[in-house]
Protein backbone atom coordinates (compact mmCIF):
# COMPACT_ATOMS: atom_id res chain seq x y z
CA MET A 1 -11.34 -13.78 9.89
CA ASN A 2 -13.37 -14.51 6.74
CA MET A 3 -11.88 -11.43 5.06
CA LYS A 4 -8.35 -12.60 5.94
CA ARG A 5 -9.04 -16.06 4.46
CA THR A 6 -10.45 -14.51 1.28
CA PHE A 7 -7.38 -12.27 0.92
CA LEU A 8 -5.01 -15.24 1.31
CA ALA A 9 -7.04 -17.37 -1.13
CA ILE A 10 -6.82 -14.68 -3.83
CA ALA A 11 -3.07 -14.31 -3.32
CA LEU A 12 -2.45 -18.05 -3.54
CA SER A 13 -4.64 -18.40 -6.64
CA ILE A 14 -2.77 -15.68 -8.54
CA PHE A 15 0.65 -17.08 -7.71
CA THR A 16 -0.51 -20.58 -8.70
CA LEU A 17 -1.62 -19.27 -12.10
CA GLY A 18 1.79 -17.64 -12.54
CA ALA A 19 3.54 -20.93 -11.83
CA MET A 20 1.36 -22.72 -14.40
CA ALA A 21 1.93 -20.15 -17.18
CA GLN A 22 3.36 -21.53 -20.43
CA VAL A 23 5.93 -18.73 -20.61
CA ARG A 24 8.04 -18.74 -17.48
CA PRO A 25 7.36 -15.51 -15.58
CA SER A 26 10.12 -13.35 -14.20
CA VAL A 27 10.18 -12.32 -10.55
CA ILE A 28 10.81 -8.72 -9.47
CA VAL A 29 11.88 -8.09 -5.88
CA SER A 30 11.90 -4.50 -4.65
CA ALA A 31 12.12 -2.31 -1.57
CA GLY A 32 12.06 1.39 -0.88
CA TYR A 33 10.76 4.49 0.84
CA GLN A 34 7.06 5.17 1.32
CA GLY A 35 5.39 8.40 2.38
CA ALA A 36 1.89 7.84 3.77
CA ASN A 37 -1.06 9.88 4.96
CA ILE A 38 -4.70 9.35 5.92
CA SER A 39 -7.33 11.59 4.38
CA THR A 40 -9.83 12.37 7.13
CA SER A 41 -13.17 14.14 6.95
CA LYS A 42 -15.44 14.84 9.89
CA GLU A 43 -17.66 17.86 10.32
CA GLY A 44 -16.79 19.89 13.40
CA ASP A 45 -13.39 18.30 14.10
CA LYS A 46 -10.28 19.74 12.47
CA MET A 47 -7.73 17.04 11.60
CA GLY A 48 -4.24 18.24 10.69
CA ASN A 49 -2.70 15.05 9.31
CA SER A 50 0.67 15.14 7.54
CA VAL A 51 2.94 12.67 5.72
CA LYS A 52 4.60 9.89 7.74
CA SER A 53 7.72 8.14 6.45
CA GLY A 54 7.75 4.36 6.11
CA PHE A 55 8.84 1.55 3.79
CA ARG A 56 7.54 -0.99 1.31
CA VAL A 57 9.14 -4.35 0.48
CA GLY A 58 8.03 -7.39 -1.50
CA ALA A 59 7.97 -9.18 -4.83
CA ALA A 60 5.86 -9.42 -7.99
CA LEU A 61 5.46 -11.87 -10.85
CA ASP A 62 5.74 -10.42 -14.35
CA LEU A 63 3.47 -12.48 -16.62
CA ALA A 64 3.92 -11.54 -20.29
CA VAL A 65 0.58 -11.44 -22.13
CA ALA A 66 1.24 -9.84 -25.53
CA ASP A 67 3.95 -8.20 -27.63
CA LEU A 68 2.31 -5.05 -28.98
CA GLY A 69 5.29 -3.91 -31.06
CA PRO A 70 6.43 -0.75 -29.30
CA ALA A 71 5.53 -2.24 -25.91
CA VAL A 72 5.17 -5.56 -24.11
CA PHE A 73 1.96 -5.92 -22.11
CA SER A 74 2.11 -7.97 -18.92
CA ILE A 75 0.16 -8.62 -15.74
CA GLN A 76 2.00 -8.13 -12.46
CA PRO A 77 0.45 -9.62 -9.31
CA GLY A 78 2.54 -8.85 -6.25
CA LEU A 79 2.77 -9.44 -2.52
CA TYR A 80 4.22 -6.70 -0.28
CA TYR A 81 4.55 -5.57 3.30
CA SER A 82 3.76 -1.87 3.50
CA THR A 83 3.75 0.66 6.34
CA LYS A 84 1.13 3.39 6.12
CA GLY A 85 -0.48 5.79 8.61
CA ALA A 86 -0.05 9.49 9.34
CA LYS A 87 1.28 12.17 11.64
CA SER A 88 -1.56 13.95 13.46
CA ALA A 89 -1.30 17.41 14.97
CA SER A 90 -4.90 18.11 15.86
CA GLU A 91 -7.09 20.35 17.96
CA GLY A 92 -10.74 19.41 18.38
CA ASP A 93 -13.36 17.74 20.53
CA ASN A 94 -11.93 14.23 20.03
CA SER A 95 -8.32 14.84 18.91
CA LYS A 96 -5.49 16.76 20.56
CA GLY A 97 -1.71 16.59 20.55
CA GLU A 98 0.92 15.21 18.17
CA ILE A 99 0.75 11.49 17.42
CA LYS A 100 2.43 9.33 14.78
CA THR A 101 0.40 6.29 13.74
CA THR A 102 1.98 3.41 11.79
CA LEU A 103 -0.30 0.85 10.13
CA GLY A 104 1.35 -2.29 8.76
CA TYR A 105 -0.37 -4.00 5.82
CA VAL A 106 0.11 -7.09 3.69
CA GLU A 107 -0.75 -5.89 0.15
CA LEU A 108 -1.75 -7.59 -3.07
CA PRO A 109 -1.57 -5.24 -6.11
CA ILE A 110 -2.61 -6.59 -9.52
CA LEU A 111 -1.18 -4.30 -12.18
CA ALA A 112 -1.44 -3.99 -15.95
CA ASN A 113 2.10 -3.12 -17.06
CA PHE A 114 3.37 -1.68 -20.36
CA ALA A 115 7.15 -1.92 -20.91
CA PHE A 116 8.83 0.07 -23.73
CA ASN A 117 12.31 -0.77 -25.01
CA VAL A 118 14.25 2.49 -25.50
CA ALA A 119 17.78 1.22 -26.17
CA ASP A 120 19.83 -1.92 -25.74
CA GLY A 121 19.37 -3.01 -22.13
CA PHE A 122 17.32 0.08 -21.21
CA GLY A 123 13.55 0.51 -21.05
CA VAL A 124 10.76 2.38 -19.34
CA PHE A 125 7.41 1.19 -17.99
CA VAL A 126 4.04 2.41 -16.77
CA ASN A 127 1.45 0.44 -14.84
CA ALA A 128 -1.87 0.72 -13.05
CA GLY A 129 -4.41 -1.49 -11.35
CA PRO A 130 -6.28 -2.31 -8.15
CA TYR A 131 -4.79 -3.35 -4.85
CA LEU A 132 -6.13 -5.20 -1.82
CA ALA A 133 -4.57 -4.93 1.64
CA TYR A 134 -5.08 -6.36 5.11
CA GLY A 135 -3.78 -4.70 8.28
CA VAL A 136 -1.61 -6.94 10.46
CA ASN A 137 -0.07 -4.60 13.06
CA THR A 138 -0.10 -1.04 14.40
CA THR A 139 2.22 1.17 16.43
CA THR A 140 1.87 4.69 17.82
CA SER A 141 4.25 7.28 19.22
CA GLY A 142 3.80 10.72 20.75
CA SER A 143 1.12 11.77 23.20
CA GLY A 144 -2.39 13.14 23.08
CA THR A 145 -5.91 12.05 22.19
CA LEU A 146 -6.61 10.50 18.80
CA LEU A 147 -10.34 10.34 17.94
CA GLY A 148 -11.25 9.83 21.60
CA ILE A 149 -8.47 7.31 22.41
CA THR A 150 -5.66 8.45 24.71
CA ILE A 151 -2.22 7.73 23.21
CA ASN A 152 1.21 8.01 24.82
CA SER A 153 4.68 6.75 23.99
CA GLU A 154 4.00 3.51 25.89
CA SER A 155 0.73 2.71 24.11
CA LYS A 156 0.46 -0.90 22.88
CA ASP A 157 -3.13 -0.81 21.63
CA ASN A 158 -3.96 -2.64 18.40
CA LEU A 159 -5.77 0.01 16.40
CA PHE A 160 -7.18 -2.67 14.06
CA LYS A 161 -9.01 -4.56 16.81
CA GLU A 162 -12.75 -4.99 16.35
CA ASP A 163 -13.66 -3.90 19.88
CA GLY A 164 -12.47 -0.35 20.52
CA GLY A 165 -10.11 -0.04 17.54
CA LEU A 166 -10.01 2.97 15.25
CA TYR A 167 -9.43 1.29 11.88
CA LYS A 168 -10.88 -1.58 9.88
CA PRO A 169 -8.06 -3.89 8.73
CA PHE A 170 -9.30 -4.26 5.14
CA ASP A 171 -8.18 -1.69 2.57
CA ALA A 172 -8.55 -1.46 -1.21
CA GLY A 173 -7.88 1.10 -3.90
CA ILE A 174 -6.01 2.01 -7.06
CA GLN A 175 -2.24 1.95 -7.65
CA VAL A 176 -0.40 3.75 -10.46
CA GLY A 177 3.31 3.80 -11.21
CA ALA A 178 6.14 4.34 -13.68
CA GLY A 179 9.86 3.80 -13.88
CA ALA A 180 12.93 2.68 -15.78
CA GLU A 181 14.83 -0.59 -16.10
CA TYR A 182 18.51 -1.05 -16.97
CA ARG A 183 19.88 -4.58 -17.28
CA ASN A 184 17.47 -6.11 -14.72
CA ILE A 185 17.74 -3.21 -12.26
CA LEU A 186 14.50 -1.25 -11.84
CA LEU A 187 13.86 2.19 -10.36
CA GLY A 188 10.19 2.96 -9.89
CA VAL A 189 7.83 5.51 -8.41
CA GLY A 190 4.16 5.12 -7.68
CA SER A 191 1.14 6.12 -5.65
CA GLN A 192 -1.87 4.45 -4.07
CA PHE A 193 -5.29 5.99 -3.56
CA GLY A 194 -7.48 4.19 -1.05
CA LEU A 195 -11.14 3.82 -1.97
CA ALA A 196 -12.31 1.89 1.11
CA ASP A 197 -13.39 3.76 4.23
CA MET A 198 -11.11 2.32 6.94
CA SER A 199 -12.65 4.13 9.91
CA ARG A 200 -14.53 2.37 12.71
CA VAL A 201 -15.55 5.75 14.17
CA ASP A 202 -19.12 6.91 13.52
CA ASN A 203 -19.57 9.91 11.20
CA LEU A 204 -15.91 9.80 10.19
CA THR A 205 -14.44 8.89 6.78
CA GLN A 206 -10.78 7.88 6.50
CA LYS A 207 -8.83 6.60 3.48
CA ASN A 208 -5.18 5.69 2.96
CA ILE A 209 -3.11 7.64 0.46
CA ASN A 210 0.60 7.15 -0.15
CA PHE A 211 3.49 7.47 -2.60
CA PHE A 212 6.65 5.37 -2.87
CA VAL A 213 10.07 5.15 -4.50
CA SER A 214 11.53 1.68 -4.95
CA LEU A 215 14.65 -0.07 -6.20
CA GLY A 216 14.21 -3.56 -7.60
CA TYR A 217 15.88 -6.46 -9.40
CA ARG A 218 14.39 -8.81 -12.00
CA PHE A 219 15.24 -12.53 -11.77
């Protein structure tokens, strides 16, 4: 609960700063496809995770900081809903069967963005920065045993729960991206690399990794 309150306080503080900025920030709304996986390492248990399809939707403030000549430097705090997880086809002491796990997160990326004007109305951009995320829901499909927990198509277990859950809800890592903008329409690609160990299982390390393609509009 304390972690959730801290996450919300950081998000509100950043958006308050954006509203108080002397130069009115623009708002970028976007949505798109996301491919997600969970890197898993545990000695003696072979985990055959593969990419699971999902989506990512949300908005970001674009706060201009400096005009560097060939590029405009800005800070982009955002707030997104993102589905992560993995497909697991595993054989081992604690995992067996084919199971698709979906983990829903509220995300707060804070990116340093460099935008380059290429021609009238057309530009390109690159960005990078940290992200924070908090898990809010989980779903599973398929059947088998996932790290000692029996899963079937009717399973309703919250995998983020503190007692008996598989994953810690807090996640953090690095996000990188690039794209193009034409007359307020943006097409972007990016990737996130989780740095926080999200596993609640002893002697097991798990981290989120994902890539996304998004279409956005600048207001």
